[in-house]
Amino acid sequence: MKSKAIISRRWIVLAAQFAVSVVAWAAPSTSIFSDKSTPAREVYGLSVFVLTITGLIFVGVSGLLVYAIVRYRARKGDTTEPPQVFGSVQIELSWTIIPILIIVVLFLTTARVLFSVQDAPKPANALNVIVVGHQFWWEFRYPQYNVVTANELHVPVSSEAAPRPTFMKLTSADVMHSFWVPQLAGKTDLLPNRVNEMWIDPHQAGLYVGQCAQFCGAEHAKMLLRVHVDTPEQFKEWISNQQRMQAELSGEGAGEESTPNAGNVVRASTSTIPPNSPPTRGHVVPEQAQTAQDISAKAGQYVFEHEACISCHTVAGTVATGRYGPDLTHLMSRDTIASGAAPNTRDDLIRWIGDPNQIKPGCLMPAMHLSDKQNQQITAYMLTLK
């Protein structure tokens, strides 16, 4: 009875896994059968053609096998050995020539799709984007507009009346990654010291999701992709906003006190500072920021610019010019943080700044061991980066 129960549970688990697989396959957001771009449409057509050919082969072979089993099965009382056939030129020719023809057809069809996608002409009005893969996030550069952003790619919609494809150059800053948004195109690998190219021309505005399709380390599964396909007007407005720099916050402009004197600082609470830290460790905030009511963007910018944050991150227009981590100039224009691992909300920002491993275990952003007040101050500053 125990073994039967175990077998039953196994069948239930298998059935559940199959159901999840079917739902995942049918989900339009990550299905190759829901194409919204010319390269994806080419891949879809090739996939259907290959599935049709292989399906016919399966049905034909299965049919012949069933026919042979039924037609030549042993009859009751039949004890004689059936006639033995040693070779047949016709059968041998058929199972040699037919597979060769099938392989040639599949090869030529695949080659046509590959060349039509890879050798597509680039129009003069195409959008150029440089994609750089990092552990474990995406960097997007728009050289035509001098714009740099992260994790969420914005491109204009392309129509027959006004075609504007997006051509991308892809490379990696560390290990091998792979750019894959199933509804827009097949996956393309990003390799260190090499540039690969791909293009998309989304025909419908909206949000398309994907992810890194090549195992690249501990947080590979959370290296997600979001592609926003905007109308021409929306894309122009987004570019205009991304080109705007962030000014250093001043007391007059923010309706707050004047910028604190960098020398007039006190040690932050040592409750979260690791033991054996040097006395000059950068966990300092201005005296004005010690009051409970001073959870302000100005105080947050001061903490941000006097910690190691600026060694990794850029905020255009300020002293923050780090290149190792994502550009934060317009952080709040993004829907998510941590490459899609969490929504871009105040609470998740506090969690992320306090200890990134809470959201993305194994990520390369270290916990800075700041006080709770400092985390809230930096978050208040981040919320102004729109």
Protein backbone atom coordinates (compact mmCIF):
# COMPACT_ATOMS: atom_id res chain seq x y z
CA MET A 1 0.00 0.00 0.00
CA LYS A 2 2.86 2.32 0.86
CA SER A 3 4.49 1.82 -2.54
CA LYS A 4 1.17 2.51 -4.28
CA ALA A 5 0.81 5.76 -2.33
CA ILE A 6 4.33 6.81 -3.35
CA ILE A 7 3.58 6.02 -6.99
CA SER A 8 0.34 8.01 -6.79
CA ARG A 9 2.14 11.01 -5.34
CA ARG A 10 4.74 10.79 -8.10
CA TRP A 11 2.02 10.81 -10.74
CA ILE A 12 0.40 13.84 -9.08
CA VAL A 13 3.72 15.69 -9.05
CA LEU A 14 4.36 14.82 -12.70
CA ALA A 15 0.85 15.96 -13.64
CA ALA A 16 1.36 19.25 -11.78
CA GLN A 17 4.72 19.83 -13.49
CA PHE A 18 3.14 19.12 -16.88
CA ALA A 19 0.32 21.59 -16.14
CA VAL A 20 2.82 24.28 -15.15
CA SER A 21 4.79 23.63 -18.34
CA VAL A 22 1.65 23.96 -20.46
CA VAL A 23 0.69 27.23 -18.76
CA ALA A 24 4.22 28.58 -19.18
CA TRP A 25 4.24 27.57 -22.85
CA ALA A 26 0.87 29.19 -23.44
CA ALA A 27 1.80 32.43 -21.65
CA PRO A 28 1.89 35.10 -24.36
CA SER A 29 4.59 37.14 -22.57
CA THR A 30 7.34 34.58 -23.09
CA SER A 31 6.06 32.45 -25.95
CA ILE A 32 7.76 32.23 -29.34
CA PHE A 33 4.29 31.59 -30.75
CA SER A 34 3.23 35.16 -29.96
CA ASP A 35 5.47 37.09 -32.33
CA LYS A 36 5.39 40.89 -32.37
CA SER A 37 8.47 41.62 -34.50
CA THR A 38 9.81 40.56 -37.89
CA PRO A 39 12.72 38.43 -36.54
CA ALA A 40 10.34 36.71 -34.13
CA ARG A 41 7.87 36.12 -36.96
CA GLU A 42 10.60 34.49 -39.04
CA VAL A 43 11.51 32.23 -36.09
CA TYR A 44 7.84 31.42 -35.55
CA GLY A 45 7.33 30.46 -39.19
CA LEU A 46 10.41 28.25 -39.16
CA SER A 47 9.30 26.62 -35.89
CA VAL A 48 5.86 25.79 -37.28
CA PHE A 49 7.40 24.37 -40.46
CA VAL A 50 9.84 22.17 -38.52
CA LEU A 51 7.09 21.02 -36.15
CA THR A 52 4.90 20.14 -39.13
CA ILE A 53 7.63 18.08 -40.83
CA THR A 54 8.65 16.28 -37.63
CA GLY A 55 4.99 15.73 -36.74
CA LEU A 56 4.34 14.06 -40.10
CA ILE A 57 7.43 11.88 -39.60
CA PHE A 58 6.17 10.87 -36.14
CA VAL A 59 2.70 10.05 -37.44
CA GLY A 60 4.09 8.10 -40.43
CA VAL A 61 6.58 6.05 -38.41
CA SER A 62 4.04 5.40 -35.64
CA GLY A 63 1.43 4.36 -38.19
CA LEU A 64 3.81 1.91 -39.88
CA LEU A 65 4.84 0.52 -36.50
CA VAL A 66 1.22 -0.04 -35.41
CA TYR A 67 0.38 -1.61 -38.79
CA ALA A 68 3.34 -4.01 -38.52
CA ILE A 69 2.41 -4.97 -34.95
CA VAL A 70 -1.22 -5.67 -35.84
CA ARG A 71 -0.74 -7.16 -39.31
CA TYR A 72 2.11 -9.51 -38.45
CA ARG A 73 1.24 -10.44 -34.89
CA ALA A 74 1.33 -14.09 -33.89
CA ARG A 75 -2.01 -15.86 -34.38
CA LYS A 76 -3.41 -18.43 -32.04
CA GLY A 77 -2.14 -21.89 -32.98
CA ASP A 78 0.46 -20.52 -35.42
CA THR A 79 3.74 -22.28 -34.60
CA THR A 80 5.56 -21.88 -37.89
CA GLU A 81 8.31 -19.32 -38.42
CA PRO A 82 7.23 -16.46 -40.69
CA PRO A 83 9.01 -15.94 -44.01
CA GLN A 84 12.39 -14.27 -43.57
CA VAL A 85 13.30 -11.34 -45.81
CA PHE A 86 16.99 -10.56 -46.20
CA GLY A 87 17.28 -7.06 -47.62
CA SER A 88 15.08 -4.95 -49.86
CA VAL A 89 16.56 -2.46 -52.32
CA GLN A 90 13.34 -0.44 -52.47
CA ILE A 91 13.03 -0.09 -48.68
CA GLU A 92 16.71 0.71 -48.24
CA LEU A 93 16.58 3.39 -50.94
CA SER A 94 13.44 4.92 -49.45
CA TRP A 95 14.81 5.19 -45.89
CA THR A 96 18.02 6.69 -47.27
CA ILE A 97 16.73 9.13 -49.90
CA ILE A 98 13.67 10.43 -48.01
CA PRO A 99 15.60 11.47 -44.84
CA ILE A 100 18.27 13.12 -47.02
CA LEU A 101 15.60 15.14 -48.82
CA ILE A 102 14.00 16.13 -45.51
CA ILE A 103 17.36 17.26 -44.08
CA VAL A 104 18.13 19.28 -47.22
CA VAL A 105 14.73 21.02 -47.07
CA LEU A 106 15.14 21.84 -43.36
CA PHE A 107 18.68 23.09 -43.95
CA LEU A 108 17.71 25.37 -46.82
CA THR A 109 14.69 26.74 -44.95
CA THR A 110 16.76 27.45 -41.84
CA ALA A 111 19.52 29.09 -43.91
CA ARG A 112 16.97 31.34 -45.62
CA VAL A 113 15.63 32.54 -42.26
CA LEU A 114 19.13 33.07 -40.84
CA PHE A 115 20.27 35.16 -43.80
CA SER A 116 17.03 37.15 -43.98
CA VAL A 117 17.41 38.14 -40.32
CA GLN A 118 21.18 38.58 -40.09
CA ASP A 119 21.63 40.39 -43.41
CA ALA A 120 18.63 42.71 -43.13
CA PRO A 121 19.46 46.20 -44.47
CA LYS A 122 19.78 48.93 -41.86
CA PRO A 123 17.73 52.04 -42.70
CA ALA A 124 19.09 55.51 -42.06
CA ASN A 125 16.50 56.26 -39.35
CA ALA A 126 17.21 53.08 -37.35
CA LEU A 127 17.68 53.41 -33.60
CA ASN A 128 21.13 52.29 -32.42
CA VAL A 129 21.50 50.69 -28.98
CA ILE A 130 24.59 49.23 -27.33
CA VAL A 131 23.72 46.41 -24.92
CA VAL A 132 26.28 45.44 -22.27
CA GLY A 133 25.68 42.41 -20.06
CA HIS A 134 26.91 42.50 -16.46
CA GLN A 135 26.60 40.14 -13.52
CA PHE A 136 23.66 40.42 -13.08
CA TRP A 137 22.08 43.37 -14.87
CA TRP A 138 21.77 45.00 -18.29
CA GLU A 139 23.24 48.28 -19.47
CA PHE A 140 21.68 50.08 -22.44
CA ARG A 141 23.46 52.93 -24.23
CA TYR A 142 21.87 55.17 -26.84
CA PRO A 143 24.85 56.79 -28.64
CA GLN A 144 22.59 58.89 -30.88
CA TYR A 145 21.11 60.62 -27.83
CA ASN A 146 23.93 60.36 -25.26
CA VAL A 147 21.65 58.39 -22.93
CA VAL A 148 22.58 55.51 -20.63
CA THR A 149 20.06 53.45 -18.69
CA ALA A 150 19.78 50.00 -17.14
CA ASN A 151 17.59 46.89 -17.20
CA GLU A 152 14.61 48.46 -19.01
CA LEU A 153 15.03 49.04 -22.73
CA HIS A 154 12.85 51.64 -24.46
CA VAL A 155 12.41 51.47 -28.24
CA PRO A 156 9.92 53.06 -30.66
CA VAL A 157 7.17 51.06 -32.31
CA SER A 158 7.75 50.29 -35.99
CA SER A 159 4.90 50.22 -38.50
CA GLU A 160 4.64 49.64 -42.23
CA ALA A 161 3.78 53.30 -42.73
CA ALA A 162 6.65 54.52 -40.52
CA PRO A 163 9.23 51.75 -40.11
CA ARG A 164 11.91 52.34 -37.47
CA PRO A 165 13.76 49.19 -36.44
CA THR A 166 16.16 49.04 -33.50
CA PHE A 167 19.64 47.68 -34.25
CA MET A 168 21.63 46.49 -31.24
CA LYS A 169 25.31 45.78 -30.68
CA LEU A 170 25.76 43.30 -27.83
CA THR A 171 28.81 42.61 -25.70
CA SER A 172 29.66 41.50 -22.17
CA ALA A 173 31.63 43.18 -19.39
CA ASP A 174 32.44 39.93 -17.61
CA VAL A 175 31.09 36.48 -18.50
CA MET A 176 28.86 35.07 -21.22
CA HIS A 177 25.23 36.28 -21.22
CA SER A 178 22.38 35.94 -23.71
CA PHE A 179 19.74 38.51 -24.70
CA TRP A 180 16.34 36.87 -25.22
CA VAL A 181 12.92 38.46 -25.56
CA PRO A 182 10.90 35.65 -27.21
CA GLN A 183 8.16 37.85 -28.66
CA LEU A 184 10.68 40.11 -30.39
CA ALA A 185 13.58 37.92 -31.57
CA GLY A 186 15.60 34.78 -31.00
CA LYS A 187 18.32 34.82 -28.37
CA THR A 188 21.70 36.38 -29.11
CA ASP A 189 24.77 35.72 -26.96
CA LEU A 190 26.85 38.46 -25.36
CA LEU A 191 30.54 37.54 -25.21
CA PRO A 192 33.49 39.35 -23.60
CA ASN A 193 35.74 41.09 -26.15
CA ARG A 194 33.32 40.40 -28.98
CA VAL A 195 30.40 42.30 -30.49
CA ASN A 196 27.33 40.45 -31.78
CA GLU A 197 24.44 42.17 -33.52
CA MET A 198 20.68 41.76 -33.69
CA TRP A 199 17.66 43.88 -34.56
CA ILE A 200 13.98 44.15 -33.73
CA ASP A 201 11.08 46.12 -35.19
CA PRO A 202 8.15 45.73 -32.75
CA HIS A 203 4.82 46.22 -34.48
CA GLN A 204 2.76 46.79 -31.36
CA ALA A 205 3.36 49.14 -28.44
CA GLY A 206 3.48 47.59 -24.98
CA LEU A 207 5.72 45.79 -22.51
CA TYR A 208 7.68 42.69 -23.55
CA VAL A 209 9.62 40.60 -21.06
CA GLY A 210 12.61 38.32 -21.38
CA GLN A 211 15.75 37.36 -19.54
CA CYS A 212 19.32 36.21 -19.81
CA ALA A 213 19.23 32.83 -21.57
CA GLN A 214 22.77 31.73 -20.75
CA PHE A 215 23.83 30.62 -17.26
CA CYS A 216 26.09 33.41 -16.00
CA GLY A 217 26.36 32.84 -12.26
CA ALA A 218 24.46 32.69 -8.99
CA GLU A 219 21.75 35.22 -9.93
CA HIS A 220 21.31 34.24 -13.58
CA ALA A 221 17.61 33.49 -13.00
CA LYS A 222 17.03 37.06 -11.76
CA MET A 223 18.78 38.78 -14.65
CA LEU A 224 15.49 39.79 -16.21
CA LEU A 225 14.68 41.99 -19.20
CA ARG A 226 11.89 44.49 -19.80
CA VAL A 227 11.45 46.06 -23.23
CA HIS A 228 9.07 49.02 -23.42
CA VAL A 229 7.84 49.60 -26.96
CA ASP A 230 6.66 53.21 -27.06
CA THR A 231 4.75 55.24 -29.57
CA PRO A 232 6.95 57.83 -31.36
CA GLU A 233 5.61 60.55 -29.07
CA GLN A 234 6.21 58.50 -25.91
CA PHE A 235 9.72 57.58 -27.02
CA LYS A 236 10.59 61.19 -27.78
CA GLU A 237 9.34 62.24 -24.34
CA TRP A 238 11.28 59.41 -22.66
CA ILE A 239 14.52 60.38 -24.45
CA SER A 240 14.02 64.03 -23.50
CA ASN A 241 13.62 63.07 -19.84
CA GLN A 242 16.65 60.75 -19.91
CA GLN A 243 18.83 63.54 -21.33
CA ARG A 244 18.04 65.75 -18.36
CA MET A 245 20.71 65.84 -15.68
CA GLN A 246 20.12 65.83 -11.93
CA ALA A 247 21.25 68.97 -10.14
CA GLU A 248 22.99 69.03 -6.79
CA LEU A 249 20.20 69.69 -4.30
CA SER A 250 20.41 73.11 -2.70
CA GLY A 251 18.69 74.38 0.38
CA GLU A 252 16.92 77.12 -1.54
CA GLY A 253 15.69 74.85 -4.30
CA ALA A 254 14.51 72.15 -1.92
CA GLY A 255 13.01 74.47 0.65
CA GLU A 256 15.39 73.11 3.26
CA GLU A 257 18.48 74.18 5.16
CA SER A 258 21.65 75.08 3.34
CA THR A 259 24.00 72.28 2.29
CA PRO A 260 25.76 70.98 5.41
CA ASN A 261 29.42 71.65 5.97
CA ALA A 262 31.30 68.48 5.03
CA GLY A 263 33.61 68.98 7.99
CA ASN A 264 30.79 69.39 10.50
CA VAL A 265 29.93 65.69 10.79
CA VAL A 266 29.47 63.12 13.53
CA ARG A 267 29.80 59.39 13.61
CA ALA A 268 26.68 57.44 12.65
CA SER A 269 25.26 54.85 15.00
CA THR A 270 27.75 52.02 15.35
CA SER A 271 25.10 49.36 15.90
CA THR A 272 25.30 48.22 12.27
CA ILE A 273 29.00 48.87 11.64
CA PRO A 274 31.16 45.74 11.47
CA PRO A 275 33.72 45.26 14.26
CA ASN A 276 37.30 46.47 13.76
CA SER A 277 36.19 49.25 11.40
CA PRO A 278 38.70 52.14 11.26
CA PRO A 279 37.71 55.40 12.99
CA THR A 280 37.71 57.19 9.64
CA ARG A 281 35.18 54.82 8.08
CA GLY A 282 32.84 56.83 5.85
CA HIS A 283 29.65 56.21 7.86
CA VAL A 284 29.22 59.84 8.74
CA VAL A 285 26.34 62.21 8.26
CA PRO A 286 26.01 65.93 8.91
CA GLU A 287 24.83 67.05 12.32
CA GLN A 288 21.73 68.47 10.66
CA ALA A 289 20.87 64.93 9.49
CA GLN A 290 20.89 63.49 12.99
CA THR A 291 17.44 64.77 13.88
CA ALA A 292 14.59 62.35 13.39
CA GLN A 293 12.72 64.75 11.12
CA ASP A 294 15.62 65.15 8.66
CA ILE A 295 14.86 62.20 6.38
CA SER A 296 15.27 64.46 3.37
CA ALA A 297 16.51 64.16 -0.19
CA LYS A 298 19.24 66.74 0.51
CA ALA A 299 20.57 64.76 3.48
CA GLY A 300 20.28 61.59 1.43
CA GLN A 301 22.34 63.06 -1.40
CA TYR A 302 25.01 64.08 1.11
CA VAL A 303 25.19 60.53 2.50
CA PHE A 304 25.13 59.05 -1.02
CA GLU A 305 28.01 61.24 -2.17
CA HIS A 306 30.11 60.63 0.95
CA GLU A 307 29.81 56.85 0.92
CA ALA A 308 31.16 54.33 -1.58
CA CYS A 309 27.95 54.59 -3.63
CA ILE A 310 29.56 57.03 -6.06
CA SER A 311 32.39 54.60 -6.74
CA CYS A 312 29.95 52.34 -8.60
CA HIS A 313 27.01 54.50 -9.68
CA THR A 314 26.51 57.56 -11.87
CA VAL A 315 24.01 60.34 -11.30
CA ALA A 316 24.56 62.70 -14.24
CA GLY A 317 25.02 66.31 -13.15
CA THR A 318 26.48 65.40 -9.74
CA VAL A 319 29.83 64.20 -8.42
CA ALA A 320 28.64 60.58 -8.74
CA THR A 321 30.45 59.19 -11.79
CA GLY A 322 30.92 55.49 -11.01
CA ARG A 323 30.76 53.05 -13.91
CA TYR A 324 30.73 49.65 -12.24
CA GLY A 325 27.03 49.57 -11.33
CA PRO A 326 23.85 50.73 -13.09
CA ASP A 327 23.38 54.40 -13.96
CA LEU A 328 20.94 55.86 -11.41
CA THR A 329 20.33 59.25 -13.05
CA HIS A 330 16.66 58.46 -13.71
CA LEU A 331 16.15 55.50 -11.41
CA MET A 332 12.51 56.31 -10.64
CA SER A 333 11.59 56.21 -14.33
CA ARG A 334 11.99 52.43 -14.13
CA ASP A 335 9.29 50.02 -13.00
CA THR A 336 11.67 47.65 -11.25
CA ILE A 337 14.98 47.47 -9.42
CA ALA A 338 17.66 44.75 -9.30
CA SER A 339 17.12 43.88 -12.97
CA GLY A 340 13.44 43.09 -12.51
CA ALA A 341 13.83 41.21 -9.22
CA ALA A 342 11.59 43.64 -7.28
CA PRO A 343 9.17 46.50 -7.98
CA ASN A 344 10.63 49.98 -7.76
CA THR A 345 8.89 51.13 -4.57
CA ARG A 346 10.09 53.01 -1.50
CA ASP A 347 9.94 49.94 0.74
CA ASP A 348 11.85 47.74 -1.70
CA LEU A 349 14.44 50.47 -2.25
CA ILE A 350 15.07 50.60 1.51
CA ARG A 351 15.44 46.81 1.59
CA TRP A 352 17.75 46.86 -1.44
CA ILE A 353 19.98 49.64 -0.12
CA GLY A 354 20.10 48.10 3.37
CA ASP A 355 21.09 44.62 2.17
CA PRO A 356 20.78 43.67 -1.53
CA ASN A 357 20.99 39.97 -0.62
CA GLN A 358 17.48 40.21 0.83
CA ILE A 359 16.17 40.60 -2.72
CA LYS A 360 18.92 39.11 -4.88
CA PRO A 361 21.16 36.64 -2.99
CA GLY A 362 24.55 36.42 -4.60
CA CYS A 363 24.44 39.79 -6.36
CA LEU A 364 27.66 41.78 -6.56
CA MET A 365 26.33 44.91 -4.84
CA PRO A 366 27.65 44.83 -1.26
CA ALA A 367 25.74 45.75 1.87
CA MET A 368 27.19 49.09 3.04
CA HIS A 369 26.20 48.54 6.71
CA LEU A 370 24.56 51.96 6.96
CA SER A 371 22.24 52.95 9.77
CA ASP A 372 18.48 52.74 9.26
CA LYS A 373 18.32 56.53 9.12
CA GLN A 374 20.99 56.66 6.42
CA ASN A 375 19.13 54.04 4.39
CA GLN A 376 15.97 56.13 4.60
CA GLN A 377 17.86 59.29 3.69
CA ILE A 378 19.44 57.71 0.61
CA THR A 379 16.04 56.31 -0.36
CA ALA A 380 14.51 59.79 -0.07
CA TYR A 381 17.19 61.01 -2.48
CA MET A 382 16.65 58.08 -4.88
CA LEU A 383 12.94 58.92 -5.02
CA THR A 384 13.82 62.29 -6.56
CA LEU A 385 15.73 60.74 -9.49
CA LYS A 386 12.90 60.76 -12.02
